[in-house]
């Protein structure tokens, strides 16, 4: 690249082109080039050099995308095998019940103890040699044994994930923002669940924090912002999105899957917000919709599931706010711990903890079982509002 051969490459944030020159977000390449030339003549201070780390960031981004795509394939394939196994119970003889149970256990952790797979293989051999089965039943068992005894495509996917993860971990060490996160003994709050795949993906999809003039712009880029009507903006079919699908996916994965797993301040934020949501919406609200089949039916907003989703999404937006604040300090070469001590974040986290201790935690524990007993069930299907 030009940077590799020593040529200075300058860049400027897109939002400054929009503010100073009125260029539109979806302007053509020619319009952007013209705007950059005008900006350069008017204010060269708005530009900053592209560095080698920018190329590292791009490499990490491509690796994390591949890593998450492989993981999704592996999970889908495993789920399909579980479903297939459930259907097989209807056509296999009763003598095969033990091997079915072992296979079901194996699919929960296909990369677990090798002893389990030895048991499965031993049970297949017993069925072949000690149990009197018809030729049709035997042929079915042989086919099943070939499918389940050597899960090469799932195991291969897992090995690929692990190898890519090792590459990502090595590269992340080069990034100052990653060195500032989750440092042992640091005054900064730990963000658990931000491993090489998820953390690396969030950092690399953002790429350069100087592109965003504030946390609101970063949230909008990840589709974790709220529209003028106070709702999360729906995806409009046929319209080009200004947001980053990959960033939205991985922040959603962190907030919905990782946050509740660990004992860290972000889980406290999630619990606090969920309790507040339950207080603000004491019962579900009916709404008429037209589903994909053209039927008019009733759905319910503010169910437990809906409020849980709102709380998790809100925690994702808080992470983006925090990352924008922290990353600005890192990009400017300032000390993150000094910034954090002087910021509003410590008092914010402390207030959340105090309110949970003062009764919100007990309220959450008592309220959720009550809601489960009387909340209406509804179909899950795509919809259009009436």
Protein backbone atom coordinates (compact mmCIF):
# COMPACT_ATOMS: atom_id res chain seq x y z
CA UNK A 1 0.00 0.00 0.00
CA UNK A 2 1.00 3.68 -0.14
CA UNK A 3 1.65 3.69 3.60
CA UNK A 4 3.98 0.68 3.25
CA UNK A 5 6.20 2.48 0.73
CA UNK A 6 6.43 5.63 2.84
CA UNK A 7 3.89 7.89 1.11
CA UNK A 8 1.90 10.02 3.58
CA UNK A 9 -1.83 9.36 3.31
CA UNK A 10 -4.18 11.84 5.01
CA UNK A 11 -7.80 11.30 5.97
CA UNK A 12 -10.62 13.48 7.33
CA UNK A 13 -13.81 12.52 9.19
CA UNK A 14 -16.86 12.29 6.95
CA UNK A 15 -19.00 14.20 9.42
CA UNK A 16 -16.77 17.28 8.99
CA UNK A 17 -17.34 17.18 5.24
CA UNK A 18 -21.07 17.08 5.96
CA UNK A 19 -20.97 19.93 8.47
CA UNK A 20 -18.58 22.24 6.61
CA UNK A 21 -19.46 21.56 2.98
CA UNK A 22 -22.96 20.08 3.19
CA UNK A 23 -21.99 16.85 1.45
CA UNK A 24 -24.62 14.12 1.80
CA UNK A 25 -23.87 10.79 3.55
CA UNK A 26 -24.48 8.82 0.34
CA UNK A 27 -22.62 11.18 -1.97
CA UNK A 28 -20.81 9.72 -4.98
CA UNK A 29 -17.07 9.08 -5.08
CA UNK A 30 -16.58 12.13 -7.32
CA UNK A 31 -18.52 14.38 -4.94
CA UNK A 32 -16.49 13.14 -1.98
CA UNK A 33 -13.21 13.69 -3.83
CA UNK A 34 -14.20 17.27 -4.70
CA UNK A 35 -15.25 17.92 -1.09
CA UNK A 36 -11.93 16.56 0.22
CA UNK A 37 -10.00 18.91 -2.09
CA UNK A 38 -12.03 21.89 -0.88
CA UNK A 39 -11.55 20.87 2.74
CA UNK A 40 -7.80 20.51 2.20
CA UNK A 41 -7.58 24.03 0.80
CA UNK A 42 -9.71 25.49 3.61
CA UNK A 43 -8.55 23.57 6.70
CA UNK A 44 -5.65 21.14 6.56
CA UNK A 45 -5.82 20.79 10.37
CA UNK A 46 -8.94 18.65 9.91
CA UNK A 47 -6.80 15.91 8.30
CA UNK A 48 -4.70 13.34 10.12
CA UNK A 49 -2.33 10.67 8.75
CA UNK A 50 -3.35 7.12 7.99
CA UNK A 51 -1.12 4.75 9.97
CA UNK A 52 0.06 1.18 9.74
CA UNK A 53 -2.40 0.31 12.49
CA UNK A 54 -5.28 1.16 10.16
CA UNK A 55 -4.22 -1.71 7.92
CA UNK A 56 -3.97 -4.02 10.94
CA UNK A 57 -7.51 -2.98 11.85
CA UNK A 58 -8.76 -3.94 8.38
CA UNK A 59 -7.07 -7.34 8.63
CA UNK A 60 -8.63 -7.97 12.06
CA UNK A 61 -12.04 -6.95 10.70
CA UNK A 62 -11.90 -9.51 7.90
CA UNK A 63 -10.70 -12.24 10.25
CA UNK A 64 -13.45 -11.57 12.81
CA UNK A 65 -16.12 -11.59 10.11
CA UNK A 66 -14.87 -14.95 8.88
CA UNK A 67 -14.66 -16.27 12.45
CA UNK A 68 -18.25 -15.33 13.29
CA UNK A 69 -19.57 -16.66 9.96
CA UNK A 70 -17.89 -20.04 10.59
CA UNK A 71 -19.31 -20.11 14.12
CA UNK A 72 -22.83 -19.46 12.81
CA UNK A 73 -22.44 -22.30 10.30
CA UNK A 74 -21.20 -24.67 13.02
CA UNK A 75 -24.10 -23.84 15.35
CA UNK A 76 -26.65 -24.21 12.55
CA UNK A 77 -25.18 -27.56 11.47
CA UNK A 78 -25.19 -28.84 15.04
CA UNK A 79 -28.79 -27.72 15.51
CA UNK A 80 -29.83 -29.50 12.31
CA UNK A 81 -28.19 -32.71 13.51
CA UNK A 82 -30.07 -32.48 16.80
CA UNK A 83 -33.33 -32.07 14.90
CA UNK A 84 -32.41 -34.99 12.65
CA UNK A 85 -31.69 -37.11 15.72
CA UNK A 86 -35.13 -36.36 17.12
CA UNK A 87 -36.77 -37.57 13.92
CA UNK A 88 -34.71 -40.77 13.92
CA UNK A 89 -36.25 -41.92 17.20
CA UNK A 90 -39.47 -42.59 15.31
CA UNK A 91 -37.92 -45.08 12.89
CA UNK A 92 -35.26 -46.82 14.98
CA UNK A 93 -35.92 -49.90 17.12
CA UNK A 94 -36.25 -49.62 20.90
CA UNK A 95 -32.83 -51.27 21.27
CA UNK A 96 -31.22 -48.10 19.82
CA UNK A 97 -32.53 -45.84 22.63
CA UNK A 98 -29.17 -45.89 24.46
CA UNK A 99 -27.16 -44.79 21.46
CA UNK A 100 -29.71 -42.04 20.76
CA UNK A 101 -29.27 -40.72 24.32
CA UNK A 102 -25.50 -40.82 23.98
CA UNK A 103 -25.60 -39.03 20.62
CA UNK A 104 -27.90 -36.36 22.05
CA UNK A 105 -25.43 -35.84 24.90
CA UNK A 106 -22.52 -35.74 22.48
CA UNK A 107 -24.12 -33.06 20.31
CA UNK A 108 -24.47 -30.76 23.31
CA UNK A 109 -20.68 -30.73 23.60
CA UNK A 110 -19.28 -32.24 20.39
CA UNK A 111 -15.76 -31.11 21.37
CA UNK A 112 -15.87 -32.55 24.87
CA UNK A 113 -14.47 -35.72 26.39
CA UNK A 114 -13.29 -38.39 23.97
CA UNK A 115 -14.63 -41.06 26.36
CA UNK A 116 -18.17 -40.18 25.36
CA UNK A 117 -17.48 -40.79 21.69
CA UNK A 118 -15.81 -44.09 22.60
CA UNK A 119 -19.04 -45.05 24.39
CA UNK A 120 -21.06 -44.14 21.30
CA UNK A 121 -18.83 -46.24 19.07
CA UNK A 122 -19.02 -49.15 21.52
CA UNK A 123 -22.83 -48.98 21.54
CA UNK A 124 -22.96 -49.04 17.73
CA UNK A 125 -20.78 -52.17 17.75
CA UNK A 126 -23.07 -53.82 20.31
CA UNK A 127 -26.09 -53.13 18.13
CA UNK A 128 -24.33 -54.64 15.13
CA UNK A 129 -23.11 -57.81 16.84
CA UNK A 130 -25.28 -58.60 19.86
CA UNK A 131 -28.76 -57.35 18.98
CA UNK A 132 -30.97 -59.15 16.51
CA UNK A 133 -32.07 -56.47 14.03
CA UNK A 134 -33.57 -56.77 10.59
CA UNK A 135 -31.46 -55.95 7.55
CA UNK A 136 -33.42 -52.71 7.08
CA UNK A 137 -32.80 -51.66 10.68
CA UNK A 138 -29.11 -52.53 10.35
CA UNK A 139 -28.77 -50.46 7.17
CA UNK A 140 -30.32 -47.49 8.95
CA UNK A 141 -27.91 -47.85 11.85
CA UNK A 142 -24.94 -48.01 9.48
CA UNK A 143 -26.07 -44.78 7.81
CA UNK A 144 -26.54 -43.07 11.18
CA UNK A 145 -23.17 -44.27 12.38
CA UNK A 146 -21.47 -42.75 9.36
CA UNK A 147 -23.17 -39.41 10.00
CA UNK A 148 -22.64 -39.12 13.74
CA UNK A 149 -19.44 -41.02 14.47
CA UNK A 150 -17.27 -38.66 12.44
CA UNK A 151 -18.53 -35.08 12.58
CA UNK A 152 -15.71 -33.84 10.39
CA UNK A 153 -17.41 -30.69 9.13
CA UNK A 154 -18.36 -29.54 12.65
CA UNK A 155 -14.98 -30.42 14.12
CA UNK A 156 -13.24 -28.79 11.16
CA UNK A 157 -15.27 -25.62 11.66
CA UNK A 158 -14.29 -25.53 15.33
CA UNK A 159 -10.61 -25.97 14.47
CA UNK A 160 -10.87 -23.13 11.94
CA UNK A 161 -12.47 -20.89 14.58
CA UNK A 162 -9.67 -21.61 17.03
CA UNK A 163 -6.94 -20.94 14.47
CA UNK A 164 -8.50 -17.63 13.36
CA UNK A 165 -8.97 -16.66 17.00
CA UNK A 166 -5.25 -17.16 17.64
CA UNK A 167 -4.42 -14.87 14.72
CA UNK A 168 -6.86 -12.22 15.95
CA UNK A 169 -5.43 -12.35 19.51
CA UNK A 170 -1.91 -11.72 18.21
CA UNK A 171 -3.03 -8.75 16.11
CA UNK A 172 -5.18 -7.16 18.82
CA UNK A 173 -2.09 -6.65 20.96
CA UNK A 174 -0.92 -4.03 18.46
CA UNK A 175 -3.97 -1.79 18.99
CA UNK A 176 -3.78 0.85 21.77
CA UNK A 177 -7.54 0.68 22.44
CA UNK A 178 -7.36 -3.06 23.03
CA UNK A 179 -4.44 -2.60 25.40
CA UNK A 180 -6.58 -0.14 27.40
CA UNK A 181 -9.48 -2.58 27.78
CA UNK A 182 -9.64 -5.21 30.53
CA UNK A 183 -6.18 -4.53 31.94
CA UNK A 184 -5.56 -6.46 35.17
CA UNK A 185 -5.43 -4.09 38.13
CA UNK A 186 -6.78 -1.16 36.11
CA UNK A 187 -9.29 1.28 37.58
CA UNK A 188 -11.36 0.92 34.40
CA UNK A 189 -14.39 -1.39 34.65
CA UNK A 190 -13.95 -4.88 33.22
CA UNK A 191 -16.01 -5.69 30.13
CA UNK A 192 -16.34 -9.45 30.20
CA UNK A 193 -17.35 -11.34 27.07
CA UNK A 194 -15.18 -9.17 24.82
CA UNK A 195 -12.82 -11.91 23.69
CA UNK A 196 -10.91 -11.99 20.40
CA UNK A 197 -14.01 -12.78 18.32
CA UNK A 198 -16.55 -10.36 19.80
CA UNK A 199 -14.18 -7.71 21.14
CA UNK A 200 -12.00 -7.83 18.06
CA UNK A 201 -15.05 -7.54 15.84
CA UNK A 202 -16.47 -4.51 17.69
CA UNK A 203 -13.13 -2.67 17.65
CA UNK A 204 -12.32 -3.47 14.03
CA UNK A 205 -15.80 -2.68 12.69
CA UNK A 206 -15.59 0.76 14.35
CA UNK A 207 -12.07 1.07 12.97
CA UNK A 208 -11.31 4.72 13.62
CA UNK A 209 -13.21 6.43 16.43
CA UNK A 210 -12.36 9.86 15.00
CA UNK A 211 -14.88 9.23 12.23
CA UNK A 212 -17.72 9.74 14.73
CA UNK A 213 -18.38 13.21 16.16
CA UNK A 214 -20.14 11.77 19.21
CA UNK A 215 -21.48 8.61 20.85
CA UNK A 216 -24.86 9.14 19.18
CA UNK A 217 -23.25 8.84 15.75
CA UNK A 218 -21.48 5.65 16.84
CA UNK A 219 -24.75 4.17 18.14
CA UNK A 220 -26.46 5.03 14.86
CA UNK A 221 -23.66 3.29 12.94
CA UNK A 222 -24.40 0.15 14.99
CA UNK A 223 -28.22 0.58 14.76
CA UNK A 224 -28.35 0.94 18.54
CA UNK A 225 -29.86 4.42 18.49
CA UNK A 226 -33.41 5.63 19.06
CA UNK A 227 -35.35 7.49 16.37
CA UNK A 228 -37.27 10.77 16.79
CA UNK A 229 -40.40 8.87 17.84
CA UNK A 230 -38.53 7.23 20.72
CA UNK A 231 -38.34 3.76 19.16
CA UNK A 232 -35.48 1.71 17.76
CA UNK A 233 -35.55 2.36 14.01
CA UNK A 234 -36.79 -0.58 11.92
CA UNK A 235 -34.85 -1.75 8.91
CA UNK A 236 -36.50 -0.39 5.77
CA UNK A 237 -36.72 -2.88 2.91
CA UNK A 238 -35.17 -1.62 -0.31
CA UNK A 239 -33.28 1.26 1.33
CA UNK A 240 -29.51 1.40 1.68
CA UNK A 241 -28.61 1.42 5.35
CA UNK A 242 -26.08 3.86 6.85
CA UNK A 243 -25.39 1.40 9.64
CA UNK A 244 -22.87 -1.44 9.77
CA UNK A 245 -24.58 -4.85 9.77
CA UNK A 246 -21.53 -6.62 11.20
CA UNK A 247 -21.16 -4.15 14.06
CA UNK A 248 -24.88 -4.37 14.85
CA UNK A 249 -24.67 -8.17 14.87
CA UNK A 250 -21.72 -8.39 17.22
CA UNK A 251 -22.90 -5.74 19.71
CA UNK A 252 -26.25 -7.54 19.81
CA UNK A 253 -24.43 -10.83 20.38
CA UNK A 254 -22.46 -9.35 23.27
CA UNK A 255 -25.43 -7.66 24.94
CA UNK A 256 -27.84 -10.59 24.57
CA UNK A 257 -25.54 -13.59 25.02
CA UNK A 258 -22.45 -12.47 26.94
CA UNK A 259 -23.62 -9.78 29.37
CA UNK A 260 -25.88 -12.03 31.54
CA UNK A 261 -23.19 -14.72 31.85
CA UNK A 262 -20.63 -12.83 33.89
CA UNK A 263 -20.37 -11.02 37.19
CA UNK A 264 -19.43 -7.54 35.98
CA UNK A 265 -20.85 -4.04 36.09
CA UNK A 266 -22.53 -4.44 32.70
CA UNK A 267 -24.74 -7.23 34.06
CA UNK A 268 -25.70 -4.87 36.88
CA UNK A 269 -26.68 -2.28 34.27
CA UNK A 270 -28.77 -4.92 32.49
CA UNK A 271 -30.58 -5.93 35.68
CA UNK A 272 -31.14 -2.32 36.68
CA UNK A 273 -32.61 -1.43 33.29
CA UNK A 274 -34.80 -4.54 33.22
CA UNK A 275 -36.23 -3.68 36.64
CA UNK A 276 -36.92 -0.13 35.45
CA UNK A 277 -38.62 -1.44 32.32
CA UNK A 278 -40.85 -3.72 34.41
CA UNK A 279 -41.83 -0.78 36.63
CA UNK A 280 -42.55 1.45 33.64
CA UNK A 281 -44.63 -1.19 31.83
CA UNK A 282 -46.61 -3.16 34.44
CA UNK A 283 -48.59 -5.15 31.87
CA UNK A 284 -48.50 -6.08 28.17
CA UNK A 285 -50.21 -3.84 25.64
CA UNK A 286 -52.28 -5.25 22.78
CA UNK A 287 -51.53 -4.21 19.22
CA UNK A 288 -53.17 -5.28 15.96
CA UNK A 289 -50.87 -6.26 13.13
CA UNK A 290 -51.08 -7.80 9.66
CA UNK A 291 -48.73 -10.77 9.42
CA UNK A 292 -46.93 -12.10 6.35
CA UNK A 293 -49.91 -14.25 5.45
CA UNK A 294 -52.18 -11.22 5.35
CA UNK A 295 -53.97 -12.16 8.58
CA UNK A 296 -54.99 -9.58 11.15
CA UNK A 297 -54.09 -10.70 14.63
CA UNK A 298 -53.20 -9.36 18.06
CA UNK A 299 -49.65 -9.19 19.41
CA UNK A 300 -48.43 -7.80 22.72
CA UNK A 301 -45.80 -5.21 23.47
CA UNK A 302 -44.02 -5.02 26.85
CA UNK A 303 -44.12 -8.74 27.57
CA UNK A 304 -41.27 -10.16 29.65
CA UNK A 305 -39.45 -11.18 26.48
CA UNK A 306 -39.91 -7.73 24.95
CA UNK A 307 -38.72 -5.91 28.07
CA UNK A 308 -35.73 -8.22 28.42
CA UNK A 309 -34.78 -7.47 24.82
CA UNK A 310 -35.14 -3.72 25.44
CA UNK A 311 -32.88 -3.93 28.51
CA UNK A 312 -30.21 -5.89 26.64
CA UNK A 313 -30.30 -3.53 23.69
CA UNK A 314 -29.96 -0.57 26.05
CA UNK A 315 -26.85 -2.15 27.62
CA UNK A 316 -25.39 -2.47 24.13
CA UNK A 317 -25.91 1.26 23.61
CA UNK A 318 -24.21 1.98 26.95
CA UNK A 319 -21.18 -0.04 25.86
CA UNK A 320 -20.93 2.06 22.68
CA UNK A 321 -21.16 5.27 24.74
CA UNK A 322 -18.37 4.06 27.01
CA UNK A 323 -16.17 2.93 24.10
CA UNK A 324 -16.52 6.29 22.38
CA UNK A 325 -15.47 8.14 25.54
CA UNK A 326 -12.54 5.81 26.28
CA UNK A 327 -11.32 5.58 22.71
CA UNK A 328 -11.22 9.37 22.32
CA UNK A 329 -8.73 9.52 25.17
CA UNK A 330 -6.64 6.68 23.78
CA UNK A 331 -6.61 8.22 20.27
CA UNK A 332 -5.44 11.54 21.74
CA UNK A 333 -2.62 9.81 23.64
CA UNK A 334 -4.03 10.67 27.08
CA UNK A 335 -4.10 8.41 30.14
CA UNK A 336 -7.40 6.42 30.23
CA UNK A 337 -7.35 5.94 34.01
CA UNK A 338 -7.01 9.67 34.65
CA UNK A 339 -9.91 10.32 32.30
CA UNK A 340 -12.07 7.63 33.92
CA UNK A 341 -11.51 8.95 37.45
CA UNK A 342 -12.65 12.41 36.34
CA UNK A 343 -15.56 11.21 34.19
CA UNK A 344 -19.21 10.62 35.17
CA UNK A 345 -18.92 6.85 34.69
CA UNK A 346 -17.81 5.85 38.24
CA UNK A 347 -20.70 7.77 39.84
CA UNK A 348 -23.09 6.30 37.27
CA UNK A 349 -22.05 2.72 38.02
CA UNK A 350 -22.17 3.41 41.75
CA UNK A 351 -25.71 4.81 41.56
CA UNK A 352 -26.91 1.75 39.63
CA UNK A 353 -25.40 -0.56 42.23
CA UNK A 354 -26.95 1.36 45.11
CA UNK A 355 -30.42 1.32 43.56
CA UNK A 356 -30.18 -2.43 42.98
CA UNK A 357 -29.20 -2.96 46.61
CA UNK A 358 -31.97 -0.63 47.79
CA UNK A 359 -34.70 -2.90 46.44
CA UNK A 360 -34.59 -3.14 42.65
CA UNK A 361 -32.81 -6.50 42.75
CA UNK A 362 -35.43 -8.03 45.07
CA UNK A 363 -38.20 -6.49 42.97
CA UNK A 364 -36.79 -8.13 39.84
CA UNK A 365 -36.56 -11.57 41.49
CA UNK A 366 -40.15 -11.36 42.78
CA UNK A 367 -41.76 -9.75 39.73
CA UNK A 368 -40.55 -12.02 36.93
CA UNK A 369 -42.31 -15.23 38.18
CA UNK A 370 -45.55 -13.27 38.67
CA UNK A 371 -45.47 -12.01 35.09
CA UNK A 372 -44.77 -15.46 33.67
CA UNK A 373 -47.96 -16.88 35.18
CA UNK A 374 -50.39 -14.58 33.41
CA UNK A 375 -48.69 -13.19 30.34
CA UNK A 376 -50.42 -14.07 27.03
CA UNK A 377 -48.70 -16.33 24.51
CA UNK A 378 -48.43 -15.20 20.92
CA UNK A 379 -47.13 -16.37 17.59
CA UNK A 380 -43.78 -15.11 16.37
CA UNK A 381 -43.99 -13.96 12.81
CA UNK A 382 -43.04 -10.97 10.68
CA UNK A 383 -45.55 -8.17 10.77
CA UNK A 384 -46.73 -4.87 9.43
CA UNK A 385 -48.66 -2.49 11.66
CA UNK A 386 -52.32 -1.94 10.83
